[in-house]
Amino acid sequence: MISDLHNCAMKAEAWTALKQTYEGFNAGECAATQGNTITVVSAAKDTYSIAVTNPNAPEGKKTCTITKGGQITCN
């Protein structure tokens, strides 16, 4: 899950390098692995939030989210 988060965040950074905004960035730009589901929670001009969910992950770690700057939280 963490790898998918990092990979998707790198795609978001590449997107904004081309477009000068995160707006329009969506989960279709990212590849999910190992039963993960990727959701772009928000994509605004200067920030984003991306979540990866896996129902088979341990309790309390079924969803992890990364925000611009690399902050990861899991619950």
PDB file of N, CA and C in Angstrom:
ATOM      1  N   MET A   1       0.814  -1.185   0.000  1.00  0.00           N
ATOM      2  CA  MET A   1       0.000   0.000   0.000  1.00  0.00           C
ATOM      3  C   MET A   1       0.863   1.256   0.000  1.00  0.00           C
ATOM      4  N   ILE A   2       1.899   1.240   0.824  1.00  0.00           N
ATOM      5  CA  ILE A   2       2.778   2.414   0.915  1.00  0.00           C
ATOM      6  C   ILE A   2       3.478   2.642  -0.428  1.00  0.00           C
ATOM      7  N   SER A   3       3.894   1.570  -1.067  1.00  0.00           N
ATOM      8  CA  SER A   3       4.537   1.695  -2.376  1.00  0.00           C
ATOM      9  C   SER A   3       3.581   2.301  -3.393  1.00  0.00           C
ATOM     10  N   ASP A   4       2.330   1.842  -3.406  1.00  0.00           N
ATOM     11  CA  ASP A   4       1.338   2.416  -4.313  1.00  0.00           C
ATOM     12  C   ASP A   4       1.122   3.897  -4.015  1.00  0.00           C
ATOM     13  N   LEU A   5       1.118   4.272  -2.733  1.00  0.00           N
ATOM     14  CA  LEU A   5       0.971   5.686  -2.370  1.00  0.00           C
ATOM     15  C   LEU A   5       2.122   6.512  -2.921  1.00  0.00           C
ATOM     16  N   HIS A   6       3.335   6.040  -2.710  1.00  0.00           N
ATOM     17  CA  HIS A   6       4.503   6.780  -3.182  1.00  0.00           C
ATOM     18  C   HIS A   6       4.507   6.886  -4.709  1.00  0.00           C
ATOM     19  N   ASN A   7       4.183   5.783  -5.381  1.00  0.00           N
ATOM     20  CA  ASN A   7       4.163   5.803  -6.846  1.00  0.00           C
ATOM     21  C   ASN A   7       3.107   6.771  -7.373  1.00  0.00           C
ATOM     22  N   CYS A   8       1.940   6.775  -6.764  1.00  0.00           N
ATOM     23  CA  CYS A   8       0.876   7.678  -7.204  1.00  0.00           C
ATOM     24  C   CYS A   8       1.242   9.134  -6.898  1.00  0.00           C
ATOM     25  N   ALA A   9       1.871   9.376  -5.763  1.00  0.00           N
ATOM     26  CA  ALA A   9       2.311  10.733  -5.422  1.00  0.00           C
ATOM     27  C   ALA A   9       3.341  11.234  -6.439  1.00  0.00           C
ATOM     28  N   MET A  10       4.226  10.355  -6.893  1.00  0.00           N
ATOM     29  CA  MET A  10       5.198  10.739  -7.916  1.00  0.00           C
ATOM     30  C   MET A  10       4.482  11.094  -9.218  1.00  0.00           C
ATOM     31  N   LYS A  11       3.433  10.372  -9.548  1.00  0.00           N
ATOM     32  CA  LYS A  11       2.644  10.691 -10.743  1.00  0.00           C
ATOM     33  C   LYS A  11       1.951  12.049 -10.572  1.00  0.00           C
ATOM     34  N   ALA A  12       1.460  12.333  -9.370  1.00  0.00           N
ATOM     35  CA  ALA A  12       0.826  13.626  -9.103  1.00  0.00           C
ATOM     36  C   ALA A  12       1.839  14.761  -9.280  1.00  0.00           C
ATOM     37  N   GLU A  13       3.065  14.543  -8.820  1.00  0.00           N
ATOM     38  CA  GLU A  13       4.097  15.575  -8.972  1.00  0.00           C
ATOM     39  C   GLU A  13       4.450  15.782 -10.443  1.00  0.00           C
ATOM     40  N   ALA A  14       4.516  14.702 -11.204  1.00  0.00           N
ATOM     41  CA  ALA A  14       4.788  14.821 -12.641  1.00  0.00           C
ATOM     42  C   ALA A  14       3.644  15.554 -13.336  1.00  0.00           C
ATOM     43  N   TRP A  15       2.412  15.254 -12.925  1.00  0.00           N
ATOM     44  CA  TRP A  15       1.230  15.915 -13.489  1.00  0.00           C
ATOM     45  C   TRP A  15       1.320  17.424 -13.287  1.00  0.00           C
ATOM     46  N   THR A  16       1.620  17.836 -12.058  1.00  0.00           N
ATOM     47  CA  THR A  16       1.654  19.271 -11.779  1.00  0.00           C
ATOM     48  C   THR A  16       2.854  19.955 -12.434  1.00  0.00           C
ATOM     49  N   ALA A  17       3.925  19.218 -12.658  1.00  0.00           N
ATOM     50  CA  ALA A  17       5.059  19.810 -13.368  1.00  0.00           C
ATOM     51  C   ALA A  17       4.662  20.197 -14.791  1.00  0.00           C
ATOM     52  N   LEU A  18       3.777  19.412 -15.387  1.00  0.00           N
ATOM     53  CA  LEU A  18       3.310  19.704 -16.744  1.00  0.00           C
ATOM     54  C   LEU A  18       2.183  20.725 -16.773  1.00  0.00           C
ATOM     55  N   LYS A  19       1.271  20.628 -15.810  1.00  0.00           N
ATOM     56  CA  LYS A  19       0.040  21.419 -15.861  1.00  0.00           C
ATOM     57  C   LYS A  19       0.015  22.597 -14.896  1.00  0.00           C
ATOM     58  N   GLN A  20       0.996  22.692 -14.001  1.00  0.00           N
ATOM     59  CA  GLN A  20       1.075  23.768 -13.011  1.00  0.00           C
ATOM     60  C   GLN A  20      -0.072  23.741 -12.009  1.00  0.00           C
ATOM     61  N   THR A  21      -0.716  22.596 -11.852  1.00  0.00           N
ATOM     62  CA  THR A  21      -1.799  22.415 -10.887  1.00  0.00           C
ATOM     63  C   THR A  21      -2.010  20.924 -10.662  1.00  0.00           C
ATOM     64  N   TYR A  22      -2.551  20.570  -9.507  1.00  0.00           N
ATOM     65  CA  TYR A  22      -2.947  19.178  -9.254  1.00  0.00           C
ATOM     66  C   TYR A  22      -4.385  18.940  -9.700  1.00  0.00           C
ATOM     67  N   GLU A  23      -5.128  20.027  -9.975  1.00  0.00           N
ATOM     68  CA  GLU A  23      -6.522  19.893 -10.394  1.00  0.00           C
ATOM     69  C   GLU A  23      -6.602  19.009 -11.633  1.00  0.00           C
ATOM     70  N   GLY A  24      -7.555  18.088 -11.632  1.00  0.00           N
ATOM     71  CA  GLY A  24      -7.727  17.176 -12.746  1.00  0.00           C
ATOM     72  C   GLY A  24      -6.988  15.867 -12.584  1.00  0.00           C
ATOM     73  N   PHE A  25      -6.036  15.815 -11.641  1.00  0.00           N
ATOM     74  CA  PHE A  25      -5.321  14.564 -11.401  1.00  0.00           C
ATOM     75  C   PHE A  25      -6.308  13.557 -10.829  1.00  0.00           C
ATOM     76  N   ASN A  26      -6.285  12.323 -11.356  1.00  0.00           N
ATOM     77  CA  ASN A  26      -7.235  11.314 -10.895  1.00  0.00           C
ATOM     78  C   ASN A  26      -6.569   9.953 -10.756  1.00  0.00           C
ATOM     79  N   ALA A  27      -7.272   9.027 -10.132  1.00  0.00           N
ATOM     80  CA  ALA A  27      -6.722   7.704  -9.823  1.00  0.00           C
ATOM     81  C   ALA A  27      -6.384   6.900 -11.071  1.00  0.00           C
ATOM     82  N   GLY A  28      -6.980   7.259 -12.192  1.00  0.00           N
ATOM     83  CA  GLY A  28      -6.664   6.572 -13.441  1.00  0.00           C
ATOM     84  C   GLY A  28      -5.215   6.750 -13.866  1.00  0.00           C
ATOM     85  N   GLU A  29      -4.545   7.733 -13.302  1.00  0.00           N
ATOM     86  CA  GLU A  29      -3.131   7.979 -13.596  1.00  0.00           C
ATOM     87  C   GLU A  29      -2.221   7.005 -12.843  1.00  0.00           C
ATOM     88  N   CYS A  30      -2.778   6.264 -11.863  1.00  0.00           N
ATOM     89  CA  CYS A  30      -1.984   5.431 -10.966  1.00  0.00           C
ATOM     90  C   CYS A  30      -2.318   3.955 -11.153  1.00  0.00           C
ATOM     91  N   ALA A  31      -1.344   3.104 -10.868  1.00  0.00           N
ATOM     92  CA  ALA A  31      -1.539   1.655 -10.947  1.00  0.00           C
ATOM     93  C   ALA A  31      -1.616   1.072  -9.537  1.00  0.00           C
ATOM     94  N   ALA A  32      -2.708   0.378  -9.270  1.00  0.00           N
ATOM     95  CA  ALA A  32      -2.875  -0.293  -7.974  1.00  0.00           C
ATOM     96  C   ALA A  32      -2.338  -1.720  -8.084  1.00  0.00           C
ATOM     97  N   THR A  33      -1.727  -2.200  -7.007  1.00  0.00           N
ATOM     98  CA  THR A  33      -1.190  -3.559  -6.977  1.00  0.00           C
ATOM     99  C   THR A  33      -1.766  -4.334  -5.798  1.00  0.00           C
ATOM    100  N   GLN A  34      -1.639  -5.635  -5.824  1.00  0.00           N
ATOM    101  CA  GLN A  34      -1.934  -6.536  -4.705  1.00  0.00           C
ATOM    102  C   GLN A  34      -3.285  -6.293  -4.039  1.00  0.00           C
ATOM    103  N   GLY A  35      -4.337  -6.105  -4.827  1.00  0.00           N
ATOM    104  CA  GLY A  35      -5.669  -5.933  -4.265  1.00  0.00           C
ATOM    105  C   GLY A  35      -5.964  -4.550  -3.723  1.00  0.00           C
ATOM    106  N   ASN A  36      -5.071  -3.614  -3.933  1.00  0.00           N
ATOM    107  CA  ASN A  36      -5.267  -2.243  -3.461  1.00  0.00           C
ATOM    108  C   ASN A  36      -6.228  -1.483  -4.368  1.00  0.00           C
ATOM    109  N   THR A  37      -6.901  -0.511  -3.808  1.00  0.00           N
ATOM    110  CA  THR A  37      -7.736   0.425  -4.553  1.00  0.00           C
ATOM    111  C   THR A  37      -7.218   1.828  -4.263  1.00  0.00           C
ATOM    112  N   ILE A  38      -6.954   2.579  -5.317  1.00  0.00           N
ATOM    113  CA  ILE A  38      -6.434   3.948  -5.170  1.00  0.00           C
ATOM    114  C   ILE A  38      -7.552   4.940  -5.445  1.00  0.00           C
ATOM    115  N   THR A  39      -7.647   5.945  -4.575  1.00  0.00           N
ATOM    116  CA  THR A  39      -8.630   7.015  -4.733  1.00  0.00           C
ATOM    117  C   THR A  39      -7.927   8.353  -4.551  1.00  0.00           C
ATOM    118  N   VAL A  40      -8.137   9.264  -5.473  1.00  0.00           N
ATOM    119  CA  VAL A  40      -7.667  10.632  -5.270  1.00  0.00           C
ATOM    120  C   VAL A  40      -8.771  11.322  -4.486  1.00  0.00           C
ATOM    121  N   VAL A  41      -8.504  11.562  -3.212  1.00  0.00           N
ATOM    122  CA  VAL A  41      -9.486  12.160  -2.316  1.00  0.00           C
ATOM    123  C   VAL A  41      -9.730  13.612  -2.695  1.00  0.00           C
ATOM    124  N   SER A  42      -8.654  14.321  -2.995  1.00  0.00           N
ATOM    125  CA  SER A  42      -8.766  15.705  -3.436  1.00  0.00           C
ATOM    126  C   SER A  42      -7.560  16.070  -4.282  1.00  0.00           C
ATOM    127  N   ALA A  43      -7.784  16.976  -5.221  1.00  0.00           N
ATOM    128  CA  ALA A  43      -6.711  17.492  -6.067  1.00  0.00           C
ATOM    129  C   ALA A  43      -7.056  18.944  -6.374  1.00  0.00           C
ATOM    130  N   ALA A  44      -6.368  19.840  -5.711  1.00  0.00           N
ATOM    131  CA  ALA A  44      -6.603  21.274  -5.872  1.00  0.00           C
ATOM    132  C   ALA A  44      -5.379  21.909  -6.529  1.00  0.00           C
ATOM    133  N   LYS A  45      -5.398  23.192  -6.678  1.00  0.00           N
ATOM    134  CA  LYS A  45      -4.291  23.873  -7.350  1.00  0.00           C
ATOM    135  C   LYS A  45      -2.941  23.545  -6.720  1.00  0.00           C
ATOM    136  N   ASP A  46      -2.845  23.646  -5.395  1.00  0.00           N
ATOM    137  CA  ASP A  46      -1.546  23.518  -4.736  1.00  0.00           C
ATOM    138  C   ASP A  46      -1.387  22.288  -3.843  1.00  0.00           C
ATOM    139  N   THR A  47      -2.355  21.399  -3.812  1.00  0.00           N
ATOM    140  CA  THR A  47      -2.262  20.264  -2.894  1.00  0.00           C
ATOM    141  C   THR A  47      -3.089  19.081  -3.387  1.00  0.00           C
ATOM    142  N   TYR A  48      -2.824  17.921  -2.791  1.00  0.00           N
ATOM    143  CA  TYR A  48      -3.592  16.726  -3.110  1.00  0.00           C
ATOM    144  C   TYR A  48      -3.639  15.804  -1.898  1.00  0.00           C
ATOM    145  N   SER A  49      -4.546  14.849  -1.973  1.00  0.00           N
ATOM    146  CA  SER A  49      -4.652  13.784  -0.982  1.00  0.00           C
ATOM    147  C   SER A  49      -5.029  12.514  -1.734  1.00  0.00           C
ATOM    148  N   ILE A  50      -4.250  11.468  -1.537  1.00  0.00           N
ATOM    149  CA  ILE A  50      -4.459  10.193  -2.231  1.00  0.00           C
ATOM    150  C   ILE A  50      -4.587   9.097  -1.184  1.00  0.00           C
ATOM    151  N   ALA A  51      -5.587   8.230  -1.350  1.00  0.00           N
ATOM    152  CA  ALA A  51      -5.800   7.123  -0.415  1.00  0.00           C
ATOM    153  C   ALA A  51      -5.649   5.787  -1.135  1.00  0.00           C
ATOM    154  N   VAL A  52      -5.092   4.817  -0.424  1.00  0.00           N
ATOM    155  CA  VAL A  52      -5.030   3.436  -0.895  1.00  0.00           C
ATOM    156  C   VAL A  52      -5.707   2.578   0.154  1.00  0.00           C
ATOM    157  N   THR A  53      -6.631   1.748  -0.308  1.00  0.00           N
ATOM    158  CA  THR A  53      -7.389   0.878   0.584  1.00  0.00           C
ATOM    159  C   THR A  53      -7.166  -0.573   0.180  1.00  0.00           C
ATOM    160  N   ASN A  54      -7.049  -1.442   1.192  1.00  0.00           N
ATOM    161  CA  ASN A  54      -6.962  -2.877   0.951  1.00  0.00           C
ATOM    162  C   ASN A  54      -7.741  -3.575   2.053  1.00  0.00           C
ATOM    163  N   PRO A  55      -8.856  -4.236   1.724  1.00  0.00           N
ATOM    164  CA  PRO A  55      -9.680  -4.879   2.740  1.00  0.00           C
ATOM    165  C   PRO A  55      -8.977  -6.025   3.451  1.00  0.00           C
ATOM    166  N   ASN A  56      -7.885  -6.523   2.878  1.00  0.00           N
ATOM    167  CA  ASN A  56      -7.149  -7.627   3.494  1.00  0.00           C
ATOM    168  C   ASN A  56      -6.017  -7.167   4.414  1.00  0.00           C
ATOM    169  N   ALA A  57      -5.815  -5.870   4.507  1.00  0.00           N
ATOM    170  CA  ALA A  57      -4.770  -5.332   5.381  1.00  0.00           C
ATOM    171  C   ALA A  57      -5.197  -5.499   6.840  1.00  0.00           C
ATOM    172  N   PRO A  58      -4.239  -5.466   7.759  1.00  0.00           N
ATOM    173  CA  PRO A  58      -4.569  -5.590   9.182  1.00  0.00           C
ATOM    174  C   PRO A  58      -5.505  -4.478   9.654  1.00  0.00           C
ATOM    175  N   GLU A  59      -6.309  -4.784  10.644  1.00  0.00           N
ATOM    176  CA  GLU A  59      -7.219  -3.790  11.232  1.00  0.00           C
ATOM    177  C   GLU A  59      -6.418  -2.562  11.650  1.00  0.00           C
ATOM    178  N   GLY A  60      -6.940  -1.401  11.370  1.00  0.00           N
ATOM    179  CA  GLY A  60      -6.255  -0.154  11.701  1.00  0.00           C
ATOM    180  C   GLY A  60      -5.302   0.312  10.620  1.00  0.00           C
ATOM    181  N   LYS A  61      -5.122  -0.512   9.570  1.00  0.00           N
ATOM    182  CA  LYS A  61      -4.228  -0.147   8.472  1.00  0.00           C
ATOM    183  C   LYS A  61      -4.858  -0.472   7.121  1.00  0.00           C
ATOM    184  N   LYS A  62      -6.179  -0.504   7.072  1.00  0.00           N
ATOM    185  CA  LYS A  62      -6.881  -0.860   5.839  1.00  0.00           C
ATOM    186  C   LYS A  62      -6.873   0.276   4.820  1.00  0.00           C
ATOM    187  N   THR A  63      -6.713   1.508   5.287  1.00  0.00           N
ATOM    188  CA  THR A  63      -6.622   2.665   4.396  1.00  0.00           C
ATOM    189  C   THR A  63      -5.453   3.531   4.827  1.00  0.00           C
ATOM    190  N   CYS A  64      -4.608   3.858   3.862  1.00  0.00           N
ATOM    191  CA  CYS A  64      -3.502   4.783   4.114  1.00  0.00           C
ATOM    192  C   CYS A  64      -3.636   5.936   3.131  1.00  0.00           C
ATOM    193  N   THR A  65      -3.290   7.126   3.611  1.00  0.00           N
ATOM    194  CA  THR A  65      -3.433   8.349   2.825  1.00  0.00           C
ATOM    195  C   THR A  65      -2.117   9.102   2.803  1.00  0.00           C
ATOM    196  N   ILE A  66      -1.795   9.668   1.642  1.00  0.00           N
ATOM    197  CA  ILE A  66      -0.630  10.532   1.514  1.00  0.00           C
ATOM    198  C   ILE A  66      -1.095  11.901   1.039  1.00  0.00           C
ATOM    199  N   THR A  67      -0.475  12.936   1.571  1.00  0.00           N
ATOM    200  CA  THR A  67      -0.773  14.302   1.160  1.00  0.00           C
ATOM    201  C   THR A  67       0.488  14.926   0.585  1.00  0.00           C
ATOM    202  N   LYS A  68       0.328  16.049  -0.100  1.00  0.00           N
ATOM    203  CA  LYS A  68       1.486  16.755  -0.650  1.00  0.00           C
ATOM    204  C   LYS A  68       2.493  16.967   0.477  1.00  0.00           C
ATOM    205  N   GLY A  69       3.713  16.696   0.202  1.00  0.00           N
ATOM    206  CA  GLY A  69       4.746  16.792   1.212  1.00  0.00           C
ATOM    207  C   GLY A  69       5.128  15.429   1.761  1.00  0.00           C
ATOM    208  N   GLY A  70       4.340  14.388   1.438  1.00  0.00           N
ATOM    209  CA  GLY A  70       4.711  13.031   1.819  1.00  0.00           C
ATOM    210  C   GLY A  70       4.189  12.525   3.130  1.00  0.00           C
ATOM    211  N   GLN A  71       3.319  13.277   3.806  1.00  0.00           N
ATOM    212  CA  GLN A  71       2.772  12.832   5.094  1.00  0.00           C
ATOM    213  C   GLN A  71       1.829  11.651   4.860  1.00  0.00           C
ATOM    214  N   ILE A  72       2.124  10.495   5.483  1.00  0.00           N
ATOM    215  CA  ILE A  72       1.306   9.290   5.349  1.00  0.00           C
ATOM    216  C   ILE A  72       0.634   8.995   6.686  1.00  0.00           C
ATOM    217  N   THR A  73      -0.663   8.721   6.631  1.00  0.00           N
ATOM    218  CA  THR A  73      -1.409   8.275   7.805  1.00  0.00           C
ATOM    219  C   THR A  73      -2.199   7.032   7.414  1.00  0.00           C
ATOM    220  N   CYS A  74      -2.338   6.116   8.356  1.00  0.00           N
ATOM    221  CA  CYS A  74      -3.095   4.889   8.128  1.00  0.00           C
ATOM    222  C   CYS A  74      -4.141   4.716   9.228  1.00  0.00           C
ATOM    223  N   ASN A  75      -5.275   4.159   8.835  1.00  0.00           N
ATOM    224  CA  ASN A  75      -6.315   3.851   9.819  1.00  0.00           C
ATOM    225  C   ASN A  75      -7.133   2.663   9.342  1.00  0.00           C
TER     226      ASN A  75
END
